[in-house]
Amino acid sequence: MRRTLKFLHSIAAIGMTGALAAHIILLAVSPEPSSLEAYAAMREGIAAITRYLLLPSLTLVLFTGLLALGMHTPFHNAGWAWVKAAMGLWIFQGTLKGIEGPAEQAAIVSARALQEEIDPQILQDLMRTEWGSLWVILALAVANVAIAIWRPRLGRKPAPAAPSRQEQR
């Protein structure tokens, strides 16, 4: 069971960081909002990546991580594991508020701009806030992987062991 959780957690982390990287790349090469048809298609692509890869991967990362934390007794007292759990929750919340929400909103707004219902300049403002959220979430995700690999000693130092009878003589 432990290996299965670790495998699923790792695969989901790959999917999550890949989705974040794809989102960043699409934003970097995106057409100007003045080219509404191309821009709306790109925004729909970003929304699809968020909907079908980022959110499911993130959910699986969080679920398997918390399940492993609960099931594997050595993790209960490992400070690094609790830091990873807290960061996972921050990543989840940040992704919903700073990436998924704006991605869906930008897809809707660009479709409305294509139908000439709203000013395309609004799209530029949406993109600015997206960049910051993407880089922060990606940095937290990479830090989470680093913590899992190096497992730093976090928390209290263990109390020194009492001397044995032989040492007391």
N, C-alpha and C. Protein backbone atom coordinates (compact mmCIF):
# COMPACT_ATOMS: atom_id res chain seq x y z
N MET A 1 0.83 -1.20 0.00
CA MET A 1 0.00 0.00 0.00
C MET A 1 0.88 1.26 0.00
N ARG A 2 1.97 1.22 0.79
CA ARG A 2 2.84 2.39 0.90
C ARG A 2 3.47 2.74 -0.46
N ARG A 3 3.91 1.72 -1.18
CA ARG A 3 4.52 1.96 -2.50
C ARG A 3 3.49 2.47 -3.50
N THR A 4 2.29 1.96 -3.40
CA THR A 4 1.22 2.43 -4.30
C THR A 4 0.93 3.90 -4.05
N LEU A 5 0.83 4.29 -2.78
CA LEU A 5 0.59 5.70 -2.45
C LEU A 5 1.74 6.57 -2.95
N LYS A 6 2.97 6.11 -2.73
CA LYS A 6 4.14 6.88 -3.17
C LYS A 6 4.14 7.03 -4.69
N PHE A 7 3.83 5.95 -5.39
CA PHE A 7 3.77 5.99 -6.85
C PHE A 7 2.70 6.98 -7.33
N LEU A 8 1.48 6.85 -6.80
CA LEU A 8 0.40 7.76 -7.19
C LEU A 8 0.73 9.21 -6.85
N HIS A 9 1.33 9.42 -5.69
CA HIS A 9 1.72 10.76 -5.26
C HIS A 9 2.74 11.36 -6.23
N SER A 10 3.72 10.56 -6.61
CA SER A 10 4.77 11.03 -7.52
C SER A 10 4.22 11.31 -8.92
N ILE A 11 3.41 10.41 -9.44
CA ILE A 11 2.82 10.61 -10.77
C ILE A 11 1.92 11.85 -10.78
N ALA A 12 1.14 12.02 -9.74
CA ALA A 12 0.26 13.19 -9.66
C ALA A 12 1.08 14.47 -9.55
N ALA A 13 2.19 14.45 -8.81
CA ALA A 13 3.06 15.63 -8.71
C ALA A 13 3.65 15.99 -10.07
N ILE A 14 4.01 14.97 -10.84
CA ILE A 14 4.52 15.21 -12.19
C ILE A 14 3.44 15.86 -13.04
N GLY A 15 2.22 15.34 -12.97
CA GLY A 15 1.11 15.92 -13.72
C GLY A 15 0.82 17.36 -13.32
N MET A 16 0.89 17.61 -12.02
CA MET A 16 0.61 18.96 -11.52
C MET A 16 1.65 19.96 -11.99
N THR A 17 2.93 19.63 -11.82
CA THR A 17 3.97 20.57 -12.24
C THR A 17 4.01 20.70 -13.75
N GLY A 18 3.70 19.61 -14.46
CA GLY A 18 3.61 19.70 -15.92
C GLY A 18 2.49 20.63 -16.37
N ALA A 19 1.37 20.56 -15.69
CA ALA A 19 0.25 21.45 -16.01
C ALA A 19 0.61 22.91 -15.74
N LEU A 20 1.30 23.15 -14.62
CA LEU A 20 1.73 24.52 -14.31
C LEU A 20 2.71 25.02 -15.37
N ALA A 21 3.66 24.16 -15.77
CA ALA A 21 4.63 24.55 -16.80
C ALA A 21 3.94 24.81 -18.13
N ALA A 22 2.98 23.97 -18.51
CA ALA A 22 2.24 24.17 -19.75
C ALA A 22 1.47 25.49 -19.72
N HIS A 23 0.88 25.80 -18.59
CA HIS A 23 0.13 27.05 -18.41
C HIS A 23 1.08 28.24 -18.61
N ILE A 24 2.25 28.18 -17.99
CA ILE A 24 3.24 29.26 -18.11
C ILE A 24 3.68 29.41 -19.57
N ILE A 25 3.95 28.28 -20.23
CA ILE A 25 4.41 28.33 -21.63
C ILE A 25 3.32 28.93 -22.52
N LEU A 26 2.08 28.50 -22.34
CA LEU A 26 0.99 29.05 -23.16
C LEU A 26 0.82 30.55 -22.93
N LEU A 27 0.95 30.98 -21.68
CA LEU A 27 0.86 32.42 -21.44
C LEU A 27 2.02 33.17 -22.09
N ALA A 28 3.21 32.57 -22.06
CA ALA A 28 4.39 33.24 -22.61
C ALA A 28 4.31 33.40 -24.12
N VAL A 29 3.71 32.43 -24.80
CA VAL A 29 3.63 32.51 -26.26
C VAL A 29 2.25 32.94 -26.75
N SER A 30 1.42 33.39 -25.85
CA SER A 30 0.04 33.73 -26.22
C SER A 30 0.00 34.93 -27.17
N PRO A 31 -0.96 34.90 -28.06
CA PRO A 31 -1.15 36.05 -28.94
C PRO A 31 -1.69 37.24 -28.15
N GLU A 32 -1.56 38.38 -28.72
CA GLU A 32 -2.11 39.59 -28.10
C GLU A 32 -3.63 39.47 -28.01
N PRO A 33 -4.21 40.02 -26.94
CA PRO A 33 -5.68 39.97 -26.84
C PRO A 33 -6.38 40.66 -28.00
N SER A 34 -5.66 41.51 -28.74
CA SER A 34 -6.30 42.16 -29.89
C SER A 34 -6.61 41.14 -30.99
N SER A 35 -5.88 40.03 -31.03
CA SER A 35 -6.16 38.92 -31.94
C SER A 35 -7.12 37.98 -31.20
N LEU A 36 -8.37 38.38 -31.12
CA LEU A 36 -9.32 37.72 -30.23
C LEU A 36 -9.56 36.24 -30.50
N GLU A 37 -9.64 35.84 -31.76
CA GLU A 37 -9.92 34.42 -32.04
C GLU A 37 -8.80 33.53 -31.54
N ALA A 38 -7.55 33.90 -31.84
CA ALA A 38 -6.40 33.09 -31.40
C ALA A 38 -6.28 33.15 -29.88
N TYR A 39 -6.51 34.32 -29.32
CA TYR A 39 -6.40 34.48 -27.87
C TYR A 39 -7.47 33.65 -27.15
N ALA A 40 -8.70 33.68 -27.66
CA ALA A 40 -9.79 32.92 -27.03
C ALA A 40 -9.51 31.42 -27.11
N ALA A 41 -8.95 30.96 -28.21
CA ALA A 41 -8.61 29.54 -28.35
C ALA A 41 -7.51 29.16 -27.35
N MET A 42 -6.51 30.02 -27.20
CA MET A 42 -5.44 29.76 -26.24
C MET A 42 -5.99 29.73 -24.82
N ARG A 43 -6.87 30.65 -24.49
CA ARG A 43 -7.46 30.69 -23.14
C ARG A 43 -8.29 29.43 -22.88
N GLU A 44 -8.99 28.96 -23.87
CA GLU A 44 -9.76 27.72 -23.71
C GLU A 44 -8.82 26.55 -23.50
N GLY A 45 -7.68 26.56 -24.17
CA GLY A 45 -6.66 25.52 -23.96
C GLY A 45 -6.12 25.54 -22.55
N ILE A 46 -5.84 26.72 -22.03
CA ILE A 46 -5.36 26.85 -20.64
C ILE A 46 -6.42 26.36 -19.67
N ALA A 47 -7.67 26.74 -19.91
CA ALA A 47 -8.76 26.30 -19.03
C ALA A 47 -8.88 24.77 -19.06
N ALA A 48 -8.69 24.16 -20.24
CA ALA A 48 -8.76 22.70 -20.34
C ALA A 48 -7.61 22.04 -19.58
N ILE A 49 -6.41 22.58 -19.68
CA ILE A 49 -5.28 22.04 -18.94
C ILE A 49 -5.55 22.13 -17.44
N THR A 50 -6.09 23.24 -17.01
CA THR A 50 -6.40 23.43 -15.60
C THR A 50 -7.48 22.45 -15.14
N ARG A 51 -8.51 22.34 -15.93
CA ARG A 51 -9.67 21.51 -15.58
C ARG A 51 -9.35 20.01 -15.61
N TYR A 52 -8.63 19.57 -16.64
CA TYR A 52 -8.46 18.12 -16.85
C TYR A 52 -7.11 17.56 -16.39
N LEU A 53 -6.13 18.42 -16.11
CA LEU A 53 -4.83 17.92 -15.66
C LEU A 53 -4.43 18.51 -14.31
N LEU A 54 -4.46 19.82 -14.19
CA LEU A 54 -3.99 20.46 -12.96
C LEU A 54 -4.83 20.08 -11.74
N LEU A 55 -6.13 20.31 -11.81
CA LEU A 55 -6.98 20.04 -10.64
C LEU A 55 -7.04 18.56 -10.25
N PRO A 56 -7.21 17.63 -11.21
CA PRO A 56 -7.19 16.22 -10.80
C PRO A 56 -5.82 15.80 -10.22
N SER A 57 -4.74 16.27 -10.82
CA SER A 57 -3.41 15.93 -10.30
C SER A 57 -3.21 16.50 -8.91
N LEU A 58 -3.58 17.74 -8.73
CA LEU A 58 -3.44 18.39 -7.42
C LEU A 58 -4.27 17.68 -6.36
N THR A 59 -5.48 17.31 -6.70
CA THR A 59 -6.35 16.59 -5.76
C THR A 59 -5.73 15.25 -5.38
N LEU A 60 -5.19 14.54 -6.36
CA LEU A 60 -4.56 13.25 -6.08
C LEU A 60 -3.29 13.42 -5.24
N VAL A 61 -2.49 14.46 -5.52
CA VAL A 61 -1.29 14.73 -4.72
C VAL A 61 -1.69 14.96 -3.26
N LEU A 62 -2.66 15.82 -3.05
CA LEU A 62 -3.09 16.14 -1.70
C LEU A 62 -3.67 14.92 -0.99
N PHE A 63 -4.54 14.19 -1.66
CA PHE A 63 -5.18 13.02 -1.07
C PHE A 63 -4.15 11.95 -0.70
N THR A 64 -3.28 11.60 -1.64
CA THR A 64 -2.29 10.54 -1.36
C THR A 64 -1.28 10.99 -0.31
N GLY A 65 -0.92 12.26 -0.33
CA GLY A 65 0.01 12.77 0.68
C GLY A 65 -0.57 12.71 2.08
N LEU A 66 -1.80 13.16 2.23
CA LEU A 66 -2.44 13.12 3.55
C LEU A 66 -2.71 11.69 4.00
N LEU A 67 -3.08 10.82 3.05
CA LEU A 67 -3.30 9.42 3.38
C LEU A 67 -1.99 8.76 3.83
N ALA A 68 -0.90 9.04 3.14
CA ALA A 68 0.40 8.49 3.54
C ALA A 68 0.81 9.01 4.91
N LEU A 69 0.57 10.28 5.15
CA LEU A 69 0.90 10.87 6.45
C LEU A 69 0.13 10.18 7.57
N GLY A 70 -1.12 9.89 7.33
CA GLY A 70 -1.94 9.23 8.34
C GLY A 70 -1.62 7.76 8.52
N MET A 71 -1.24 7.08 7.44
CA MET A 71 -1.03 5.63 7.52
C MET A 71 0.38 5.22 7.92
N HIS A 72 1.36 6.04 7.62
CA HIS A 72 2.75 5.67 7.86
C HIS A 72 3.22 6.29 9.18
N THR A 73 3.31 5.48 10.20
CA THR A 73 3.61 5.95 11.56
C THR A 73 4.86 6.82 11.67
N PRO A 74 5.98 6.49 11.00
CA PRO A 74 7.16 7.36 11.13
C PRO A 74 6.92 8.80 10.68
N PHE A 75 5.94 9.02 9.80
CA PHE A 75 5.65 10.38 9.35
C PHE A 75 4.97 11.20 10.45
N HIS A 76 4.36 10.56 11.42
CA HIS A 76 3.62 11.28 12.45
C HIS A 76 4.50 12.24 13.23
N ASN A 77 5.74 11.89 13.46
CA ASN A 77 6.66 12.74 14.22
C ASN A 77 7.70 13.42 13.34
N ALA A 78 7.56 13.32 12.04
CA ALA A 78 8.52 13.94 11.12
C ALA A 78 8.05 15.35 10.78
N GLY A 79 8.82 16.34 11.23
CA GLY A 79 8.45 17.73 10.97
C GLY A 79 8.34 18.04 9.48
N TRP A 80 9.23 17.47 8.68
CA TRP A 80 9.21 17.73 7.24
C TRP A 80 7.89 17.26 6.62
N ALA A 81 7.33 16.16 7.12
CA ALA A 81 6.07 15.65 6.57
C ALA A 81 4.92 16.61 6.87
N TRP A 82 4.94 17.20 8.04
CA TRP A 82 3.88 18.16 8.40
C TRP A 82 4.03 19.46 7.62
N VAL A 83 5.28 19.87 7.35
CA VAL A 83 5.52 21.06 6.52
C VAL A 83 4.99 20.80 5.12
N LYS A 84 5.27 19.61 4.58
CA LYS A 84 4.75 19.25 3.25
C LYS A 84 3.22 19.26 3.24
N ALA A 85 2.60 18.74 4.29
CA ALA A 85 1.14 18.72 4.34
C ALA A 85 0.58 20.15 4.34
N ALA A 86 1.18 21.02 5.15
CA ALA A 86 0.72 22.41 5.20
C ALA A 86 0.92 23.09 3.85
N MET A 87 2.09 22.87 3.25
CA MET A 87 2.35 23.47 1.94
C MET A 87 1.39 22.93 0.89
N GLY A 88 1.05 21.65 0.99
CA GLY A 88 0.09 21.06 0.05
C GLY A 88 -1.27 21.73 0.13
N LEU A 89 -1.69 22.04 1.35
CA LEU A 89 -2.97 22.74 1.52
C LEU A 89 -2.89 24.17 0.97
N TRP A 90 -1.74 24.84 1.17
CA TRP A 90 -1.56 26.19 0.61
C TRP A 90 -1.58 26.15 -0.91
N ILE A 91 -0.92 25.15 -1.46
CA ILE A 91 -0.88 24.99 -2.92
C ILE A 91 -2.30 24.76 -3.45
N PHE A 92 -3.05 23.92 -2.78
CA PHE A 92 -4.42 23.63 -3.20
C PHE A 92 -5.26 24.91 -3.19
N GLN A 93 -5.20 25.63 -2.08
CA GLN A 93 -5.98 26.86 -1.97
C GLN A 93 -5.51 27.90 -2.99
N GLY A 94 -4.21 28.06 -3.11
CA GLY A 94 -3.66 29.04 -4.06
C GLY A 94 -4.01 28.70 -5.50
N THR A 95 -4.02 27.41 -5.81
CA THR A 95 -4.37 26.99 -7.17
C THR A 95 -5.82 27.29 -7.48
N LEU A 96 -6.69 27.01 -6.53
CA LEU A 96 -8.10 27.30 -6.76
C LEU A 96 -8.37 28.79 -6.92
N LYS A 97 -7.76 29.59 -6.04
CA LYS A 97 -8.02 31.03 -6.07
C LYS A 97 -7.20 31.78 -7.11
N GLY A 98 -5.95 31.38 -7.30
CA GLY A 98 -5.06 32.17 -8.14
C GLY A 98 -4.83 31.65 -9.53
N ILE A 99 -5.19 30.39 -9.79
CA ILE A 99 -4.92 29.83 -11.12
C ILE A 99 -6.20 29.33 -11.77
N GLU A 100 -6.90 28.40 -11.12
CA GLU A 100 -8.08 27.81 -11.71
C GLU A 100 -9.18 28.84 -11.94
N GLY A 101 -9.46 29.62 -10.92
CA GLY A 101 -10.50 30.65 -11.05
C GLY A 101 -10.19 31.64 -12.16
N PRO A 102 -9.01 32.26 -12.15
CA PRO A 102 -8.67 33.19 -13.22
C PRO A 102 -8.61 32.54 -14.61
N ALA A 103 -8.17 31.28 -14.70
CA ALA A 103 -8.12 30.61 -16.00
C ALA A 103 -9.52 30.43 -16.57
N GLU A 104 -10.45 29.98 -15.73
CA GLU A 104 -11.84 29.82 -16.18
C GLU A 104 -12.45 31.18 -16.53
N GLN A 105 -12.18 32.18 -15.67
CA GLN A 105 -12.73 33.51 -15.92
C GLN A 105 -12.18 34.09 -17.21
N ALA A 106 -10.89 33.93 -17.47
CA ALA A 106 -10.28 34.46 -18.68
C ALA A 106 -10.85 33.79 -19.93
N ALA A 107 -11.13 32.48 -19.85
CA ALA A 107 -11.74 31.79 -20.99
C ALA A 107 -13.13 32.35 -21.27
N ILE A 108 -13.88 32.60 -20.22
CA ILE A 108 -15.24 33.16 -20.38
C ILE A 108 -15.17 34.58 -20.92
N VAL A 109 -14.27 35.38 -20.33
CA VAL A 109 -14.14 36.79 -20.74
C VAL A 109 -13.67 36.88 -22.19
N SER A 110 -12.71 36.03 -22.58
CA SER A 110 -12.22 36.10 -23.97
C SER A 110 -13.30 35.66 -24.95
N ALA A 111 -14.13 34.70 -24.58
CA ALA A 111 -15.24 34.30 -25.44
C ALA A 111 -16.25 35.45 -25.57
N ARG A 112 -16.49 36.15 -24.46
CA ARG A 112 -17.41 37.30 -24.51
C ARG A 112 -16.82 38.45 -25.32
N ALA A 113 -15.49 38.65 -25.21
CA ALA A 113 -14.84 39.70 -25.99
C ALA A 113 -14.91 39.37 -27.48
N LEU A 114 -14.82 38.10 -27.80
CA LEU A 114 -14.92 37.65 -29.19
C LEU A 114 -16.31 37.98 -29.76
N GLN A 115 -17.31 37.93 -28.90
CA GLN A 115 -18.67 38.27 -29.32
C GLN A 115 -18.95 39.77 -29.18
N GLU A 116 -17.89 40.52 -28.87
CA GLU A 116 -17.94 41.98 -28.73
C GLU A 116 -18.86 42.45 -27.63
N GLU A 117 -18.95 41.67 -26.56
CA GLU A 117 -19.76 42.05 -25.41
C GLU A 117 -18.98 42.89 -24.41
N ILE A 118 -17.65 42.74 -24.38
CA ILE A 118 -16.83 43.48 -23.42
C ILE A 118 -15.53 43.94 -24.08
N ASP A 119 -14.83 44.83 -23.39
CA ASP A 119 -13.57 45.40 -23.88
C ASP A 119 -12.44 44.38 -23.73
N PRO A 120 -11.68 44.11 -24.80
CA PRO A 120 -10.57 43.15 -24.73
C PRO A 120 -9.45 43.56 -23.76
N GLN A 121 -9.37 44.83 -23.39
CA GLN A 121 -8.33 45.29 -22.47
C GLN A 121 -8.44 44.60 -21.10
N ILE A 122 -9.63 44.19 -20.73
CA ILE A 122 -9.83 43.48 -19.47
C ILE A 122 -8.98 42.22 -19.43
N LEU A 123 -8.76 41.61 -20.60
CA LEU A 123 -7.97 40.37 -20.67
C LEU A 123 -6.53 40.59 -20.22
N GLN A 124 -5.94 41.73 -20.56
CA GLN A 124 -4.56 42.03 -20.13
C GLN A 124 -4.47 42.06 -18.61
N ASP A 125 -5.45 42.65 -17.96
CA ASP A 125 -5.44 42.75 -16.50
C ASP A 125 -5.52 41.36 -15.86
N LEU A 126 -6.33 40.47 -16.43
CA LEU A 126 -6.45 39.12 -15.91
C LEU A 126 -5.12 38.37 -16.01
N MET A 127 -4.40 38.58 -17.11
CA MET A 127 -3.16 37.86 -17.33
C MET A 127 -2.08 38.28 -16.33
N ARG A 128 -2.05 39.54 -15.94
CA ARG A 128 -1.03 40.02 -14.99
C ARG A 128 -1.12 39.30 -13.66
N THR A 129 -2.31 39.13 -13.13
CA THR A 129 -2.44 38.46 -11.83
C THR A 129 -2.13 36.97 -11.93
N GLU A 130 -2.38 36.39 -13.09
CA GLU A 130 -2.13 34.97 -13.29
C GLU A 130 -0.64 34.64 -13.18
N TRP A 131 0.20 35.48 -13.76
CA TRP A 131 1.64 35.23 -13.74
C TRP A 131 2.17 35.04 -12.32
N GLY A 132 1.84 35.96 -11.46
CA GLY A 132 2.33 35.87 -10.08
C GLY A 132 1.89 34.60 -9.38
N SER A 133 0.62 34.26 -9.53
CA SER A 133 0.09 33.05 -8.90
C SER A 133 0.78 31.80 -9.43
N LEU A 134 0.99 31.75 -10.72
CA LEU A 134 1.64 30.57 -11.32
C LEU A 134 3.04 30.36 -10.76
N TRP A 135 3.82 31.43 -10.70
CA TRP A 135 5.20 31.28 -10.22
C TRP A 135 5.25 30.93 -8.73
N VAL A 136 4.37 31.51 -7.94
CA VAL A 136 4.36 31.19 -6.50
C VAL A 136 3.96 29.73 -6.29
N ILE A 137 2.92 29.26 -6.96
CA ILE A 137 2.47 27.88 -6.81
C ILE A 137 3.54 26.91 -7.32
N LEU A 138 4.17 27.24 -8.44
CA LEU A 138 5.23 26.37 -8.96
C LEU A 138 6.41 26.30 -8.00
N ALA A 139 6.78 27.44 -7.41
CA ALA A 139 7.88 27.46 -6.44
C ALA A 139 7.54 26.62 -5.21
N LEU A 140 6.31 26.72 -4.72
CA LEU A 140 5.89 25.90 -3.58
C LEU A 140 5.89 24.41 -3.93
N ALA A 141 5.46 24.07 -5.14
CA ALA A 141 5.45 22.67 -5.56
C ALA A 141 6.87 22.11 -5.64
N VAL A 142 7.79 22.89 -6.19
CA VAL A 142 9.18 22.45 -6.28
C VAL A 142 9.79 22.33 -4.87
N ALA A 143 9.47 23.27 -4.00
CA ALA A 143 9.96 23.19 -2.62
C ALA A 143 9.42 21.94 -1.92
N ASN A 144 8.17 21.59 -2.20
CA ASN A 144 7.58 20.39 -1.61
C ASN A 144 8.33 19.13 -2.07
N VAL A 145 8.71 19.09 -3.34
CA VAL A 145 9.47 17.95 -3.85
C VAL A 145 10.85 17.91 -3.19
N ALA A 146 11.48 19.07 -3.05
CA ALA A 146 12.80 19.13 -2.42
C ALA A 146 12.74 18.65 -0.96
N ILE A 147 11.72 19.05 -0.25
CA ILE A 147 11.56 18.60 1.14
C ILE A 147 11.38 17.09 1.19
N ALA A 148 10.62 16.53 0.26
CA ALA A 148 10.40 15.08 0.23
C ALA A 148 11.70 14.33 -0.06
N ILE A 149 12.55 14.89 -0.88
CA ILE A 149 13.81 14.22 -1.22
C ILE A 149 14.82 14.33 -0.09
N TRP A 150 15.04 15.53 0.43
CA TRP A 150 16.09 15.73 1.44
C TRP A 150 15.61 15.52 2.88
N ARG A 151 14.33 15.56 3.11
CA ARG A 151 13.75 15.31 4.43
C ARG A 151 14.55 15.99 5.56
N PRO A 152 14.55 17.30 5.57
CA PRO A 152 15.32 18.00 6.61
C PRO A 152 14.74 17.74 8.00
N ARG A 153 15.60 17.79 8.97
CA ARG A 153 15.15 17.61 10.36
C ARG A 153 14.50 18.91 10.81
N LEU A 154 13.22 18.87 10.97
CA LEU A 154 12.46 20.05 11.40
C LEU A 154 11.78 19.72 12.72
N GLY A 155 11.69 20.68 13.57
CA GLY A 155 11.01 20.45 14.85
C GLY A 155 12.01 20.35 15.98
N ARG A 156 11.54 19.78 17.07
CA ARG A 156 12.37 19.67 18.27
C ARG A 156 13.43 18.60 18.12
N LYS A 157 14.57 18.84 18.75
CA LYS A 157 15.62 17.83 18.79
C LYS A 157 15.22 16.80 19.83
N PRO A 158 15.53 15.53 19.58
CA PRO A 158 15.17 14.50 20.57
C PRO A 158 15.98 14.69 21.86
N ALA A 159 15.34 14.35 22.95
CA ALA A 159 16.01 14.47 24.25
C ALA A 159 17.15 13.46 24.31
N PRO A 160 18.26 13.83 24.97
CA PRO A 160 19.37 12.89 25.05
C PRO A 160 18.95 11.66 25.85
N ALA A 161 19.48 10.53 25.45
CA ALA A 161 19.15 9.26 26.11
C ALA A 161 19.83 9.21 27.48
N ALA A 162 19.15 8.58 28.43
CA ALA A 162 19.72 8.41 29.76
C ALA A 162 20.92 7.47 29.67
N PRO A 163 21.98 7.72 30.46
CA PRO A 163 23.16 6.85 30.40
C PRO A 163 22.82 5.44 30.87
N SER A 164 23.44 4.47 30.24
CA SER A 164 23.20 3.08 30.64
C SER A 164 23.95 2.79 31.94
N ARG A 165 23.68 1.65 32.54
CA ARG A 165 24.32 1.29 33.82
C ARG A 165 25.83 1.15 33.66
N GLN A 166 26.27 0.66 32.53
CA GLN A 166 27.69 0.50 32.32
C GLN A 166 28.38 1.87 32.24
N GLU A 167 27.72 2.84 31.60
CA GLU A 167 28.30 4.18 31.49
C GLU A 167 28.34 4.87 32.83
N GLN A 168 27.46 4.52 33.75
CA GLN A 168 27.42 5.17 35.05
C GLN A 168 28.56 4.69 35.93
N ARG A 169 29.12 3.53 35.71
CA ARG A 169 30.19 2.98 36.56
C ARG A 169 31.48 3.62 36.30
